[in-house]
Amino acid sequence: MKVKYRSNLIAGIVSVILGIICMVIIPRQIGEEYSATYGITSKTVPYAVAILWVVCGVVLMFQSLILKRDEVKSFEVAKEAKALGYMAVLLIYAVLFTRSFLASTIFLGVATLMFTGSRKKTFYLIILGVVVILYLLFSKVLHVQLP
């Protein structure tokens, strides 16, 4: 099945949505400085980037809808299913990472090898060994608190 889309319109909509999400997230992620000079705080640059993101998205939508400068592109869902599956793996990894570094990183390594079609068992053992060594290095030697 082929899906057709207008590139500038979709890119503009995604840009506006991501810019608004950034503007909503910034107050929660970045602390407020009280020693700000001339109104410049630690939030100034991230807000500027988010606003620029939204403005660029609006310009893309304007070009698409008003100026009719847009390309109609298409992609096959069957070909892109593997990429969407890997995006789901990355999302699962992000959720699992909050629980356990070992389990999530081993999951990501094994899933990546499976997506690339690797059948050698030594590669899977290497992933397991490297993750365990990294965990021990960070937690025991460097004293970094891992989930």
C-alpha atoms as a PDB file:
ATOM      1  CA  MET A   1       0.000   0.000   0.000  1.00  0.00           C
ATOM      2  CA  LYS A   2       1.352   3.409  -0.980  1.00  0.00           C
ATOM      3  CA  VAL A   3       0.685   6.485   1.127  1.00  0.00           C
ATOM      4  CA  LYS A   4       0.943   9.902  -0.496  1.00  0.00           C
ATOM      5  CA  TYR A   5       1.713  13.035   1.499  1.00  0.00           C
ATOM      6  CA  ARG A   6       2.703  16.642   0.959  1.00  0.00           C
ATOM      7  CA  SER A   7       6.200  17.070   2.346  1.00  0.00           C
ATOM      8  CA  ASN A   8       6.134  20.750   3.391  1.00  0.00           C
ATOM      9  CA  LEU A   9       2.700  20.472   4.988  1.00  0.00           C
ATOM     10  CA  ILE A  10       3.573  17.407   7.063  1.00  0.00           C
ATOM     11  CA  ALA A  11       6.973  18.836   8.054  1.00  0.00           C
ATOM     12  CA  GLY A  12       5.299  22.110   9.065  1.00  0.00           C
ATOM     13  CA  ILE A  13       2.658  20.400  11.186  1.00  0.00           C
ATOM     14  CA  VAL A  14       5.253  18.213  12.921  1.00  0.00           C
ATOM     15  CA  SER A  15       7.502  21.234  13.544  1.00  0.00           C
ATOM     16  CA  VAL A  16       4.702  23.256  15.109  1.00  0.00           C
ATOM     17  CA  ILE A  17       3.653  20.348  17.335  1.00  0.00           C
ATOM     18  CA  LEU A  18       7.224  19.644  18.494  1.00  0.00           C
ATOM     19  CA  GLY A  19       7.886  23.351  19.110  1.00  0.00           C
ATOM     20  CA  ILE A  20       4.769  23.633  21.265  1.00  0.00           C
ATOM     21  CA  ILE A  21       5.723  20.471  23.165  1.00  0.00           C
ATOM     22  CA  CYS A  22       9.156  21.984  23.843  1.00  0.00           C
ATOM     23  CA  MET A  23       7.580  25.206  25.117  1.00  0.00           C
ATOM     24  CA  VAL A  24       5.415  23.196  27.483  1.00  0.00           C
ATOM     25  CA  ILE A  25       8.280  21.007  28.702  1.00  0.00           C
ATOM     26  CA  ILE A  26      10.886  23.761  29.218  1.00  0.00           C
ATOM     27  CA  PRO A  27       9.527  25.093  32.546  1.00  0.00           C
ATOM     28  CA  ARG A  28       9.546  21.586  34.022  1.00  0.00           C
ATOM     29  CA  GLN A  29      13.019  20.679  32.784  1.00  0.00           C
ATOM     30  CA  ILE A  30      15.020  23.856  33.325  1.00  0.00           C
ATOM     31  CA  GLY A  31      15.232  25.581  36.681  1.00  0.00           C
ATOM     32  CA  GLU A  32      14.713  29.301  37.103  1.00  0.00           C
ATOM     33  CA  GLU A  33      17.716  31.479  37.818  1.00  0.00           C
ATOM     34  CA  TYR A  34      17.156  34.438  40.069  1.00  0.00           C
ATOM     35  CA  SER A  35      20.439  36.142  39.218  1.00  0.00           C
ATOM     36  CA  ALA A  36      19.420  36.785  35.636  1.00  0.00           C
ATOM     37  CA  THR A  37      20.962  39.740  33.883  1.00  0.00           C
ATOM     38  CA  TYR A  38      18.974  41.816  31.413  1.00  0.00           C
ATOM     39  CA  GLY A  39      16.164  39.262  31.322  1.00  0.00           C
ATOM     40  CA  ILE A  40      18.391  36.474  30.007  1.00  0.00           C
ATOM     41  CA  THR A  41      17.928  33.287  32.003  1.00  0.00           C
ATOM     42  CA  SER A  42      18.723  29.638  31.510  1.00  0.00           C
ATOM     43  CA  LYS A  43      15.379  29.287  29.706  1.00  0.00           C
ATOM     44  CA  THR A  44      16.019  32.024  27.115  1.00  0.00           C
ATOM     45  CA  VAL A  45      17.862  29.971  24.487  1.00  0.00           C
ATOM     46  CA  PRO A  46      15.594  26.896  24.728  1.00  0.00           C
ATOM     47  CA  TYR A  47      12.511  29.120  24.408  1.00  0.00           C
ATOM     48  CA  ALA A  48      14.089  30.899  21.428  1.00  0.00           C
ATOM     49  CA  VAL A  49      14.779  27.569  19.728  1.00  0.00           C
ATOM     50  CA  ALA A  50      11.214  26.374  20.403  1.00  0.00           C
ATOM     51  CA  ILE A  51       9.758  29.605  19.011  1.00  0.00           C
ATOM     52  CA  LEU A  52      12.019  29.358  15.960  1.00  0.00           C
ATOM     53  CA  TRP A  53      10.843  25.769  15.515  1.00  0.00           C
ATOM     54  CA  VAL A  54       7.205  26.892  15.513  1.00  0.00           C
ATOM     55  CA  VAL A  55       7.903  29.818  13.153  1.00  0.00           C
ATOM     56  CA  CYS A  56       9.688  27.553  10.666  1.00  0.00           C
ATOM     57  CA  GLY A  57       6.760  25.129  10.830  1.00  0.00           C
ATOM     58  CA  VAL A  58       4.292  27.930  10.124  1.00  0.00           C
ATOM     59  CA  VAL A  59       6.420  29.087   7.162  1.00  0.00           C
ATOM     60  CA  LEU A  60       6.421  25.539   5.759  1.00  0.00           C
ATOM     61  CA  MET A  61       2.646  25.302   6.125  1.00  0.00           C
ATOM     62  CA  PHE A  62       2.263  28.742   4.481  1.00  0.00           C
ATOM     63  CA  GLN A  63       4.400  27.594   1.552  1.00  0.00           C
ATOM     64  CA  SER A  64       2.346  24.448   1.202  1.00  0.00           C
ATOM     65  CA  LEU A  65      -1.168  25.820   1.602  1.00  0.00           C
ATOM     66  CA  ILE A  66      -0.947  29.372   0.224  1.00  0.00           C
ATOM     67  CA  LEU A  67       1.992  29.426  -2.191  1.00  0.00           C
ATOM     68  CA  LYS A  68       1.390  25.823  -3.355  1.00  0.00           C
ATOM     69  CA  ARG A  69       5.130  25.095  -3.201  1.00  0.00           C
ATOM     70  CA  ASP A  70       5.036  21.493  -2.165  1.00  0.00           C
ATOM     71  CA  GLU A  71       6.054  18.093  -3.417  1.00  0.00           C
ATOM     72  CA  VAL A  72       3.732  15.138  -3.243  1.00  0.00           C
ATOM     73  CA  LYS A  73       5.780  12.186  -2.100  1.00  0.00           C
ATOM     74  CA  SER A  74       4.816   8.623  -1.400  1.00  0.00           C
ATOM     75  CA  PHE A  75       6.151   5.701   0.558  1.00  0.00           C
ATOM     76  CA  GLU A  76       5.253   2.060   0.844  1.00  0.00           C
ATOM     77  CA  VAL A  77       4.032   1.011   4.265  1.00  0.00           C
ATOM     78  CA  ALA A  78       5.524  -2.475   3.948  1.00  0.00           C
ATOM     79  CA  LYS A  79       9.030  -1.069   3.404  1.00  0.00           C
ATOM     80  CA  GLU A  80       8.718   1.376   6.306  1.00  0.00           C
ATOM     81  CA  ALA A  81       7.253  -1.171   8.755  1.00  0.00           C
ATOM     82  CA  LYS A  82      10.714  -2.296   9.818  1.00  0.00           C
ATOM     83  CA  ALA A  83      11.710   1.289  10.660  1.00  0.00           C
ATOM     84  CA  LEU A  84       8.495   1.802  12.612  1.00  0.00           C
ATOM     85  CA  GLY A  85       9.167  -1.438  14.471  1.00  0.00           C
ATOM     86  CA  TYR A  86      12.630  -0.252  15.433  1.00  0.00           C
ATOM     87  CA  MET A  87      11.178   3.060  16.633  1.00  0.00           C
ATOM     88  CA  ALA A  88       8.889   1.015  18.867  1.00  0.00           C
ATOM     89  CA  VAL A  89      11.946  -0.857  20.172  1.00  0.00           C
ATOM     90  CA  LEU A  90      13.608   2.475  21.041  1.00  0.00           C
ATOM     91  CA  LEU A  91      10.465   3.609  22.826  1.00  0.00           C
ATOM     92  CA  ILE A  92      10.356   0.370  24.835  1.00  0.00           C
ATOM     93  CA  TYR A  93      14.047   0.844  25.641  1.00  0.00           C
ATOM     94  CA  ALA A  94      13.383   4.351  26.965  1.00  0.00           C
ATOM     95  CA  VAL A  95      10.604   3.055  29.208  1.00  0.00           C
ATOM     96  CA  LEU A  96      12.637   0.080  30.423  1.00  0.00           C
ATOM     97  CA  PHE A  97      15.700   2.243  31.082  1.00  0.00           C
ATOM     98  CA  THR A  98      13.916   3.974  33.948  1.00  0.00           C
ATOM     99  CA  ARG A  99      13.589   0.564  35.626  1.00  0.00           C
ATOM    100  CA  SER A 100      16.838  -1.243  34.866  1.00  0.00           C
ATOM    101  CA  PHE A 101      19.964  -0.345  32.915  1.00  0.00           C
ATOM    102  CA  LEU A 102      20.977  -3.971  32.446  1.00  0.00           C
ATOM    103  CA  ALA A 103      17.659  -5.299  31.196  1.00  0.00           C
ATOM    104  CA  SER A 104      16.931  -2.360  28.911  1.00  0.00           C
ATOM    105  CA  THR A 105      20.374  -2.233  27.314  1.00  0.00           C
ATOM    106  CA  ILE A 106      20.513  -5.979  26.764  1.00  0.00           C
ATOM    107  CA  PHE A 107      17.029  -5.750  25.224  1.00  0.00           C
ATOM    108  CA  LEU A 108      18.169  -2.964  22.874  1.00  0.00           C
ATOM    109  CA  GLY A 109      21.318  -4.825  21.848  1.00  0.00           C
ATOM    110  CA  VAL A 110      19.501  -8.081  21.159  1.00  0.00           C
ATOM    111  CA  ALA A 111      16.668  -6.322  19.298  1.00  0.00           C
ATOM    112  CA  THR A 112      19.175  -4.421  17.148  1.00  0.00           C
ATOM    113  CA  LEU A 113      20.966  -7.629  16.234  1.00  0.00           C
ATOM    114  CA  MET A 114      17.623  -9.232  15.389  1.00  0.00           C
ATOM    115  CA  PHE A 115      16.630  -6.281  13.184  1.00  0.00           C
ATOM    116  CA  THR A 116      19.917  -6.494  11.301  1.00  0.00           C
ATOM    117  CA  GLY A 117      19.398 -10.218  10.769  1.00  0.00           C
ATOM    118  CA  SER A 118      22.408 -11.400  12.721  1.00  0.00           C
ATOM    119  CA  ARG A 119      22.381 -15.121  13.447  1.00  0.00           C
ATOM    120  CA  LYS A 120      25.790 -15.536  15.064  1.00  0.00           C
ATOM    121  CA  LYS A 121      25.460 -16.435  18.716  1.00  0.00           C
ATOM    122  CA  THR A 122      28.840 -14.893  19.465  1.00  0.00           C
ATOM    123  CA  PHE A 123      27.467 -11.433  18.635  1.00  0.00           C
ATOM    124  CA  TYR A 124      24.713 -11.908  21.192  1.00  0.00           C
ATOM    125  CA  LEU A 125      27.268 -13.043  23.779  1.00  0.00           C
ATOM    126  CA  ILE A 126      29.431 -10.012  22.998  1.00  0.00           C
ATOM    127  CA  ILE A 127      26.444  -7.717  23.590  1.00  0.00           C
ATOM    128  CA  LEU A 128      25.725  -9.421  26.894  1.00  0.00           C
ATOM    129  CA  GLY A 129      29.364  -9.197  27.986  1.00  0.00           C
ATOM    130  CA  VAL A 130      29.815  -5.551  27.000  1.00  0.00           C
ATOM    131  CA  VAL A 131      26.643  -4.473  28.779  1.00  0.00           C
ATOM    132  CA  VAL A 132      27.617  -6.300  31.973  1.00  0.00           C
ATOM    133  CA  ILE A 133      31.145  -4.836  31.844  1.00  0.00           C
ATOM    134  CA  LEU A 134      29.757  -1.329  31.304  1.00  0.00           C
ATOM    135  CA  TYR A 135      27.341  -1.774  34.181  1.00  0.00           C
ATOM    136  CA  LEU A 136      30.113  -2.937  36.515  1.00  0.00           C
ATOM    137  CA  LEU A 137      32.437  -0.168  35.342  1.00  0.00           C
ATOM    138  CA  PHE A 138      29.915   2.580  35.955  1.00  0.00           C
ATOM    139  CA  SER A 139      28.373   1.246  39.155  1.00  0.00           C
ATOM    140  CA  LYS A 140      31.390  -0.239  40.943  1.00  0.00           C
ATOM    141  CA  VAL A 141      34.414   1.669  39.640  1.00  0.00           C
ATOM    142  CA  LEU A 142      33.018   5.101  38.768  1.00  0.00           C
ATOM    143  CA  HIS A 143      30.252   4.991  41.404  1.00  0.00           C
ATOM    144  CA  VAL A 144      27.590   6.220  38.989  1.00  0.00           C
ATOM    145  CA  GLN A 145      24.058   5.464  40.142  1.00  0.00           C
ATOM    146  CA  LEU A 146      22.293   3.513  37.384  1.00  0.00           C
ATOM    147  CA  PRO A 147      18.650   2.482  37.406  1.00  0.00           C
END
